[in-house]
Amino acid sequence: MKSERVLRIEGLCVKVGDAHILGGIDLEVRPGEVHAIMGPNGSGK
């Protein structure tokens, strides 16, 4: 049996000024899963 999603993101795009930071990000998080967004300081996380 599939567990329910607690978070679903489709087609996330982030733009800061003229810089495209993220494009077309899809993410699903289910109960008990752990995810991290990693990158250097100042990268817009």
PDB file of N, CA and C in Angstrom:
ATOM      1  N   MET A   1       0.835  -1.175   0.000  1.00  0.00           N
ATOM      2  CA  MET A   1       0.000   0.000   0.000  1.00  0.00           C
ATOM      3  C   MET A   1       0.888   1.249   0.000  1.00  0.00           C
ATOM      4  N   LYS A   2       0.601   2.176  -0.885  1.00  0.00           N
ATOM      5  CA  LYS A   2       1.354   3.423  -0.939  1.00  0.00           C
ATOM      6  C   LYS A   2       0.938   4.340   0.203  1.00  0.00           C
ATOM      7  N   SER A   3       1.940   4.961   0.844  1.00  0.00           N
ATOM      8  CA  SER A   3       1.601   5.928   1.886  1.00  0.00           C
ATOM      9  C   SER A   3       1.281   7.280   1.242  1.00  0.00           C
ATOM     10  N   GLU A   4       0.526   8.075   1.959  1.00  0.00           N
ATOM     11  CA  GLU A   4       0.135   9.386   1.448  1.00  0.00           C
ATOM     12  C   GLU A   4       1.324  10.335   1.423  1.00  0.00           C
ATOM     13  N   ARG A   5       1.262  11.280   0.507  1.00  0.00           N
ATOM     14  CA  ARG A   5       2.278  12.331   0.451  1.00  0.00           C
ATOM     15  C   ARG A   5       1.984  13.352   1.546  1.00  0.00           C
ATOM     16  N   VAL A   6       3.055  13.883   2.130  1.00  0.00           N
ATOM     17  CA  VAL A   6       2.876  14.998   3.052  1.00  0.00           C
ATOM     18  C   VAL A   6       3.276  16.306   2.375  1.00  0.00           C
ATOM     19  N   LEU A   7       4.001  16.191   1.256  1.00  0.00           N
ATOM     20  CA  LEU A   7       4.392  17.364   0.483  1.00  0.00           C
ATOM     21  C   LEU A   7       4.563  16.948  -0.966  1.00  0.00           C
ATOM     22  N   ARG A   8       4.039  17.754  -1.884  1.00  0.00           N
ATOM     23  CA  ARG A   8       4.217  17.500  -3.313  1.00  0.00           C
ATOM     24  C   ARG A   8       4.491  18.833  -4.001  1.00  0.00           C
ATOM     25  N   ILE A   9       5.579  18.879  -4.757  1.00  0.00           N
ATOM     26  CA  ILE A   9       5.953  20.078  -5.512  1.00  0.00           C
ATOM     27  C   ILE A   9       6.131  19.651  -6.959  1.00  0.00           C
ATOM     28  N   GLU A  10       5.520  20.380  -7.872  1.00  0.00           N
ATOM     29  CA  GLU A  10       5.659  20.089  -9.302  1.00  0.00           C
ATOM     30  C   GLU A  10       6.053  21.354 -10.046  1.00  0.00           C
ATOM     31  N   GLY A  11       7.097  21.252 -10.848  1.00  0.00           N
ATOM     32  CA  GLY A  11       7.488  22.346 -11.725  1.00  0.00           C
ATOM     33  C   GLY A  11       7.993  23.593 -11.019  1.00  0.00           C
ATOM     34  N   LEU A  12       8.640  23.425  -9.872  1.00  0.00           N
ATOM     35  CA  LEU A  12       9.148  24.576  -9.121  1.00  0.00           C
ATOM     36  C   LEU A  12      10.250  25.278  -9.905  1.00  0.00           C
ATOM     37  N   CYS A  13      10.125  26.568 -10.069  1.00  0.00           N
ATOM     38  CA  CYS A  13      11.144  27.401 -10.704  1.00  0.00           C
ATOM     39  C   CYS A  13      11.425  28.577  -9.781  1.00  0.00           C
ATOM     40  N   VAL A  14      12.700  28.914  -9.637  1.00  0.00           N
ATOM     41  CA  VAL A  14      13.088  30.054  -8.811  1.00  0.00           C
ATOM     42  C   VAL A  14      14.023  30.932  -9.630  1.00  0.00           C
ATOM     43  N   LYS A  15      13.726  32.221  -9.646  1.00  0.00           N
ATOM     44  CA  LYS A  15      14.544  33.189 -10.365  1.00  0.00           C
ATOM     45  C   LYS A  15      14.841  34.342  -9.419  1.00  0.00           C
ATOM     46  N   VAL A  16      16.103  34.740  -9.339  1.00  0.00           N
ATOM     47  CA  VAL A  16      16.516  35.881  -8.533  1.00  0.00           C
ATOM     48  C   VAL A  16      17.159  36.882  -9.487  1.00  0.00           C
ATOM     49  N   GLY A  17      16.492  38.004  -9.677  1.00  0.00           N
ATOM     50  CA  GLY A  17      16.982  38.953 -10.676  1.00  0.00           C
ATOM     51  C   GLY A  17      16.932  38.286 -12.042  1.00  0.00           C
ATOM     52  N   ASP A  18      18.056  38.273 -12.736  1.00  0.00           N
ATOM     53  CA  ASP A  18      18.136  37.610 -14.043  1.00  0.00           C
ATOM     54  C   ASP A  18      18.651  36.178 -13.938  1.00  0.00           C
ATOM     55  N   ALA A  19      19.011  35.739 -12.736  1.00  0.00           N
ATOM     56  CA  ALA A  19      19.592  34.403 -12.548  1.00  0.00           C
ATOM     57  C   ALA A  19      18.505  33.369 -12.277  1.00  0.00           C
ATOM     58  N   HIS A  20      18.485  32.314 -13.078  1.00  0.00           N
ATOM     59  CA  HIS A  20      17.577  31.190 -12.848  1.00  0.00           C
ATOM     60  C   HIS A  20      18.272  30.241 -11.874  1.00  0.00           C
ATOM     61  N   ILE A  21      17.728  30.127 -10.670  1.00  0.00           N
ATOM     62  CA  ILE A  21      18.345  29.321  -9.617  1.00  0.00           C
ATOM     63  C   ILE A  21      17.907  27.866  -9.717  1.00  0.00           C
ATOM     64  N   LEU A  22      16.620  27.629  -9.891  1.00  0.00           N
ATOM     65  CA  LEU A  22      16.057  26.289 -10.042  1.00  0.00           C
ATOM     66  C   LEU A  22      15.096  26.297 -11.215  1.00  0.00           C
ATOM     67  N   GLY A  23      14.991  25.158 -11.889  1.00  0.00           N
ATOM     68  CA  GLY A  23      14.034  25.077 -12.988  1.00  0.00           C
ATOM     69  C   GLY A  23      13.428  23.697 -13.095  1.00  0.00           C
ATOM     70  N   GLY A  24      12.103  23.635 -13.057  1.00  0.00           N
ATOM     71  CA  GLY A  24      11.390  22.383 -13.276  1.00  0.00           C
ATOM     72  C   GLY A  24      11.618  21.318 -12.220  1.00  0.00           C
ATOM     73  N   ILE A  25      11.701  21.695 -10.963  1.00  0.00           N
ATOM     74  CA  ILE A  25      11.942  20.734  -9.882  1.00  0.00           C
ATOM     75  C   ILE A  25      10.626  20.082  -9.458  1.00  0.00           C
ATOM     76  N   ASP A  26      10.620  18.749  -9.398  1.00  0.00           N
ATOM     77  CA  ASP A  26       9.489  17.977  -8.888  1.00  0.00           C
ATOM     78  C   ASP A  26       9.961  17.227  -7.645  1.00  0.00           C
ATOM     79  N   LEU A  27       9.122  17.178  -6.612  1.00  0.00           N
ATOM     80  CA  LEU A  27       9.496  16.521  -5.359  1.00  0.00           C
ATOM     81  C   LEU A  27       8.254  16.005  -4.667  1.00  0.00           C
ATOM     82  N   GLU A  28       8.334  14.781  -4.159  1.00  0.00           N
ATOM     83  CA  GLU A  28       7.287  14.223  -3.305  1.00  0.00           C
ATOM     84  C   GLU A  28       7.939  13.714  -2.031  1.00  0.00           C
ATOM     85  N   VAL A  29       7.347  14.046  -0.903  1.00  0.00           N
ATOM     86  CA  VAL A  29       7.837  13.583   0.393  1.00  0.00           C
ATOM     87  C   VAL A  29       6.718  12.797   1.052  1.00  0.00           C
ATOM     88  N   ARG A  30       7.047  11.611   1.509  1.00  0.00           N
ATOM     89  CA  ARG A  30       6.082  10.742   2.180  1.00  0.00           C
ATOM     90  C   ARG A  30       6.454  10.640   3.662  1.00  0.00           C
ATOM     91  N   PRO A  31       5.510  10.273   4.498  1.00  0.00           N
ATOM     92  CA  PRO A  31       5.797  10.166   5.936  1.00  0.00           C
ATOM     93  C   PRO A  31       7.032   9.295   6.206  1.00  0.00           C
ATOM     94  N   GLY A  32       7.918   9.772   7.060  1.00  0.00           N
ATOM     95  CA  GLY A  32       9.114   9.027   7.439  1.00  0.00           C
ATOM     96  C   GLY A  32      10.317   9.288   6.551  1.00  0.00           C
ATOM     97  N   GLU A  33      10.139   9.957   5.412  1.00  0.00           N
ATOM     98  CA  GLU A  33      11.263  10.257   4.528  1.00  0.00           C
ATOM     99  C   GLU A  33      11.968  11.522   5.004  1.00  0.00           C
ATOM    100  N   VAL A  34      13.265  11.587   4.712  1.00  0.00           N
ATOM    101  CA  VAL A  34      14.065  12.758   5.044  1.00  0.00           C
ATOM    102  C   VAL A  34      14.740  13.239   3.767  1.00  0.00           C
ATOM    103  N   HIS A  35      14.610  14.526   3.467  1.00  0.00           N
ATOM    104  CA  HIS A  35      15.222  15.124   2.283  1.00  0.00           C
ATOM    105  C   HIS A  35      16.003  16.353   2.712  1.00  0.00           C
ATOM    106  N   ALA A  36      17.024  16.705   1.943  1.00  0.00           N
ATOM    107  CA  ALA A  36      17.817  17.900   2.243  1.00  0.00           C
ATOM    108  C   ALA A  36      18.108  18.649   0.954  1.00  0.00           C
ATOM    109  N   ILE A  37      18.144  19.959   1.060  1.00  0.00           N
ATOM    110  CA  ILE A  37      18.594  20.804  -0.044  1.00  0.00           C
ATOM    111  C   ILE A  37      19.964  21.310   0.363  1.00  0.00           C
ATOM    112  N   MET A  38      20.970  20.965  -0.436  1.00  0.00           N
ATOM    113  CA  MET A  38      22.344  21.276  -0.066  1.00  0.00           C
ATOM    114  C   MET A  38      22.967  22.217  -1.086  1.00  0.00           C
ATOM    115  N   GLY A  39      23.873  23.043  -0.617  1.00  0.00           N
ATOM    116  CA  GLY A  39      24.601  23.950  -1.489  1.00  0.00           C
ATOM    117  C   GLY A  39      25.414  24.916  -0.648  1.00  0.00           C
ATOM    118  N   PRO A  40      26.283  25.648  -1.306  1.00  0.00           N
ATOM    119  CA  PRO A  40      27.130  26.577  -0.571  1.00  0.00           C
ATOM    120  C   PRO A  40      26.338  27.745   0.010  1.00  0.00           C
ATOM    121  N   ASN A  41      26.921  28.400   1.006  1.00  0.00           N
ATOM    122  CA  ASN A  41      26.295  29.596   1.581  1.00  0.00           C
ATOM    123  C   ASN A  41      26.065  30.626   0.487  1.00  0.00           C
ATOM    124  N   GLY A  42      24.921  31.294   0.552  1.00  0.00           N
ATOM    125  CA  GLY A  42      24.605  32.326  -0.422  1.00  0.00           C
ATOM    126  C   GLY A  42      24.057  31.806  -1.733  1.00  0.00           C
ATOM    127  N   SER A  43      23.757  30.503  -1.802  1.00  0.00           N
ATOM    128  CA  SER A  43      23.289  29.917  -3.064  1.00  0.00           C
ATOM    129  C   SER A  43      21.776  29.972  -3.227  1.00  0.00           C
ATOM    130  N   GLY A  44      21.062  30.529  -2.256  1.00  0.00           N
ATOM    131  CA  GLY A  44      19.616  30.684  -2.392  1.00  0.00           C
ATOM    132  C   GLY A  44      18.785  29.528  -1.875  1.00  0.00           C
ATOM    133  N   LYS A  45      19.365  28.694  -1.049  1.00  0.00           N
ATOM    134  CA  LYS A  45      18.604  27.577  -0.489  1.00  0.00           C
ATOM    135  C   LYS A  45      17.484  28.115   0.346  1.00  0.00           C
TER     136      LYS A  45
END
